Amino acid sequence: MHSNAPTELEAHARRPLQKIVTTPSIVDAEIPRARRLVLTAALARAQAAFLVVSFKSDWRFAPPRSREIVRALLDNRRIVSYLEIDAPGGHDAFLLEDARYHGALRAYFGNIPL
């Protein structure tokens, strides 16, 4: 008579599959942390103050990536200003007339001692 209960062998056979299924979620969680560590190390020797400006519509250099750079600079205790502008224009938004963008540039460069 065959039982519907799984045998010990069947139970062991399922375990590796369960590990494979859960592994991607663990790896996915580690990728941002690893990228942040690499980026932080890459920026460790920088001595300048930074202005990072991001446009929400930019598909090439999206705001989340800019925020990663800002975080890496802050991890290195660097001076960094960040501005995220909600403006049309996509990747070329920095080429367009935007009072917020140009005002931020003027203010930032105006505070650099010559």
C-alpha atoms as a PDB file:
ATOM      1  CA  MET A   1       0.000   0.000   0.000  1.00  0.00           C
ATOM      2  CA  HIS A   2       1.368   3.408  -1.001  1.00  0.00           C
ATOM      3  CA  SER A   3       1.077   6.290   1.414  1.00  0.00           C
ATOM      4  CA  ASN A   4       0.529   9.904   0.313  1.00  0.00           C
ATOM      5  CA  ALA A   5       2.988  11.049   2.994  1.00  0.00           C
ATOM      6  CA  PRO A   6       6.395  12.005   1.542  1.00  0.00           C
ATOM      7  CA  THR A   7       9.207   9.598   2.204  1.00  0.00           C
ATOM      8  CA  GLU A   8      12.417  10.736   3.835  1.00  0.00           C
ATOM      9  CA  LEU A   9      14.139  10.490   0.457  1.00  0.00           C
ATOM     10  CA  GLU A  10      11.505  12.717  -1.146  1.00  0.00           C
ATOM     11  CA  ALA A  11      11.872  15.205   1.692  1.00  0.00           C
ATOM     12  CA  HIS A  12      15.650  15.368   1.162  1.00  0.00           C
ATOM     13  CA  ALA A  13      15.142  15.736  -2.576  1.00  0.00           C
ATOM     14  CA  ARG A  14      13.069  18.882  -1.984  1.00  0.00           C
ATOM     15  CA  ARG A  15      15.606  20.599   0.281  1.00  0.00           C
ATOM     16  CA  PRO A  16      18.113  21.609  -2.399  1.00  0.00           C
ATOM     17  CA  LEU A  17      15.273  23.062  -4.458  1.00  0.00           C
ATOM     18  CA  GLN A  18      14.183  25.136  -1.475  1.00  0.00           C
ATOM     19  CA  LYS A  19      17.742  26.445  -1.100  1.00  0.00           C
ATOM     20  CA  ILE A  20      17.909  27.374  -4.773  1.00  0.00           C
ATOM     21  CA  VAL A  21      14.616  29.224  -4.529  1.00  0.00           C
ATOM     22  CA  THR A  22      15.684  31.247  -1.473  1.00  0.00           C
ATOM     23  CA  THR A  23      19.243  31.962  -2.637  1.00  0.00           C
ATOM     24  CA  PRO A  24      18.333  34.607  -5.255  1.00  0.00           C
ATOM     25  CA  SER A  25      16.515  36.697  -2.662  1.00  0.00           C
ATOM     26  CA  ILE A  26      19.573  36.602  -0.419  1.00  0.00           C
ATOM     27  CA  VAL A  27      21.868  37.472  -3.324  1.00  0.00           C
ATOM     28  CA  ASP A  28      19.561  40.270  -4.473  1.00  0.00           C
ATOM     29  CA  ALA A  29      19.697  41.767  -0.992  1.00  0.00           C
ATOM     30  CA  GLU A  30      23.508  41.664  -1.002  1.00  0.00           C
ATOM     31  CA  ILE A  31      24.059  43.271  -4.409  1.00  0.00           C
ATOM     32  CA  PRO A  32      23.202  46.840  -3.319  1.00  0.00           C
ATOM     33  CA  ARG A  33      25.376  46.447  -0.213  1.00  0.00           C
ATOM     34  CA  ALA A  34      28.324  45.153  -2.271  1.00  0.00           C
ATOM     35  CA  ARG A  35      27.912  47.914  -4.866  1.00  0.00           C
ATOM     36  CA  ARG A  36      27.834  50.504  -2.073  1.00  0.00           C
ATOM     37  CA  LEU A  37      31.035  49.127  -0.535  1.00  0.00           C
ATOM     38  CA  VAL A  38      32.809  49.192  -3.904  1.00  0.00           C
ATOM     39  CA  LEU A  39      31.591  52.709  -4.661  1.00  0.00           C
ATOM     40  CA  THR A  40      32.562  53.922  -1.184  1.00  0.00           C
ATOM     41  CA  ALA A  41      36.056  52.483  -1.638  1.00  0.00           C
ATOM     42  CA  ALA A  42      36.363  54.029  -5.105  1.00  0.00           C
ATOM     43  CA  LEU A  43      35.554  57.487  -3.714  1.00  0.00           C
ATOM     44  CA  ALA A  44      37.647  57.160  -0.540  1.00  0.00           C
ATOM     45  CA  ARG A  45      40.600  59.183  -1.869  1.00  0.00           C
ATOM     46  CA  ALA A  46      38.483  62.086  -3.144  1.00  0.00           C
ATOM     47  CA  GLN A  47      39.257  65.302  -1.291  1.00  0.00           C
ATOM     48  CA  ALA A  48      36.904  67.765  -2.989  1.00  0.00           C
ATOM     49  CA  ALA A  49      33.474  68.930  -1.965  1.00  0.00           C
ATOM     50  CA  PHE A  50      30.755  67.713  -4.319  1.00  0.00           C
ATOM     51  CA  LEU A  51      27.544  68.910  -5.887  1.00  0.00           C
ATOM     52  CA  VAL A  52      25.410  66.095  -7.297  1.00  0.00           C
ATOM     53  CA  VAL A  53      22.392  67.161  -9.322  1.00  0.00           C
ATOM     54  CA  SER A  54      19.904  64.631 -10.593  1.00  0.00           C
ATOM     55  CA  PHE A  55      16.848  64.981 -12.800  1.00  0.00           C
ATOM     56  CA  LYS A  56      13.931  62.645 -12.107  1.00  0.00           C
ATOM     57  CA  SER A  57      13.313  62.185 -15.837  1.00  0.00           C
ATOM     58  CA  ASP A  58      16.923  61.161 -16.594  1.00  0.00           C
ATOM     59  CA  TRP A  59      16.896  57.538 -17.680  1.00  0.00           C
ATOM     60  CA  ARG A  60      20.673  57.336 -18.216  1.00  0.00           C
ATOM     61  CA  PHE A  61      21.821  58.601 -14.801  1.00  0.00           C
ATOM     62  CA  ALA A  62      18.713  58.002 -12.723  1.00  0.00           C
ATOM     63  CA  PRO A  63      18.269  59.591  -9.271  1.00  0.00           C
ATOM     64  CA  PRO A  64      18.687  56.299  -7.382  1.00  0.00           C
ATOM     65  CA  ARG A  65      22.209  55.969  -8.800  1.00  0.00           C
ATOM     66  CA  SER A  66      22.981  59.580  -7.889  1.00  0.00           C
ATOM     67  CA  ARG A  67      21.771  58.910  -4.349  1.00  0.00           C
ATOM     68  CA  GLU A  68      24.121  55.906  -4.194  1.00  0.00           C
ATOM     69  CA  ILE A  69      27.004  58.225  -5.079  1.00  0.00           C
ATOM     70  CA  VAL A  70      25.901  60.735  -2.442  1.00  0.00           C
ATOM     71  CA  ARG A  71      25.701  57.978   0.162  1.00  0.00           C
ATOM     72  CA  ALA A  72      29.182  56.718  -0.732  1.00  0.00           C
ATOM     73  CA  LEU A  73      30.556  60.256  -0.387  1.00  0.00           C
ATOM     74  CA  LEU A  74      28.843  60.652   2.978  1.00  0.00           C
ATOM     75  CA  ASP A  75      30.216  57.265   4.070  1.00  0.00           C
ATOM     76  CA  ASN A  76      33.645  58.787   3.394  1.00  0.00           C
ATOM     77  CA  ARG A  77      32.701  61.905   5.369  1.00  0.00           C
ATOM     78  CA  ARG A  78      32.960  64.137   2.314  1.00  0.00           C
ATOM     79  CA  ILE A  79      31.103  67.390   1.889  1.00  0.00           C
ATOM     80  CA  VAL A  80      28.306  66.809  -0.602  1.00  0.00           C
ATOM     81  CA  SER A  81      25.251  68.748  -1.689  1.00  0.00           C
ATOM     82  CA  TYR A  82      22.471  66.948  -3.518  1.00  0.00           C
ATOM     83  CA  LEU A  83      19.637  68.366  -5.576  1.00  0.00           C
ATOM     84  CA  GLU A  84      16.990  66.264  -7.284  1.00  0.00           C
ATOM     85  CA  ILE A  85      14.923  68.198  -9.812  1.00  0.00           C
ATOM     86  CA  ASP A  86      11.561  67.096 -11.137  1.00  0.00           C
ATOM     87  CA  ALA A  87      11.807  68.342 -14.710  1.00  0.00           C
ATOM     88  CA  PRO A  88      11.122  67.025 -18.208  1.00  0.00           C
ATOM     89  CA  GLY A  89      13.925  66.502 -20.658  1.00  0.00           C
ATOM     90  CA  GLY A  90      15.190  63.060 -19.782  1.00  0.00           C
ATOM     91  CA  HIS A  91      18.929  62.612 -20.084  1.00  0.00           C
ATOM     92  CA  ASP A  92      19.301  66.048 -21.709  1.00  0.00           C
ATOM     93  CA  ALA A  93      17.516  67.927 -18.915  1.00  0.00           C
ATOM     94  CA  PHE A  94      20.767  69.562 -17.786  1.00  0.00           C
ATOM     95  CA  LEU A  95      21.038  71.228 -21.209  1.00  0.00           C
ATOM     96  CA  LEU A  96      17.656  72.945 -20.867  1.00  0.00           C
ATOM     97  CA  GLU A  97      16.814  76.193 -19.127  1.00  0.00           C
ATOM     98  CA  ASP A  98      15.808  75.354 -15.568  1.00  0.00           C
ATOM     99  CA  ALA A  99      15.973  78.101 -12.951  1.00  0.00           C
ATOM    100  CA  ARG A 100      16.418  75.594 -10.095  1.00  0.00           C
ATOM    101  CA  TYR A 101      19.347  73.910 -11.796  1.00  0.00           C
ATOM    102  CA  HIS A 102      21.094  77.130 -12.812  1.00  0.00           C
ATOM    103  CA  GLY A 103      20.413  78.690  -9.402  1.00  0.00           C
ATOM    104  CA  ALA A 104      21.981  75.700  -7.647  1.00  0.00           C
ATOM    105  CA  LEU A 105      25.044  75.867  -9.897  1.00  0.00           C
ATOM    106  CA  ARG A 106      25.441  79.624  -9.296  1.00  0.00           C
ATOM    107  CA  ALA A 107      25.107  79.193  -5.531  1.00  0.00           C
ATOM    108  CA  TYR A 108      27.514  76.269  -5.410  1.00  0.00           C
ATOM    109  CA  PHE A 109      30.184  77.842  -7.585  1.00  0.00           C
ATOM    110  CA  GLY A 110      29.692  81.167  -5.813  1.00  0.00           C
ATOM    111  CA  ASN A 111      30.796  79.533  -2.568  1.00  0.00           C
ATOM    112  CA  ILE A 112      34.050  78.131  -3.937  1.00  0.00           C
ATOM    113  CA  PRO A 113      36.963  80.297  -2.778  1.00  0.00           C
ATOM    114  CA  LEU A 114      39.308  81.373  -5.550  1.00  0.00           C
END
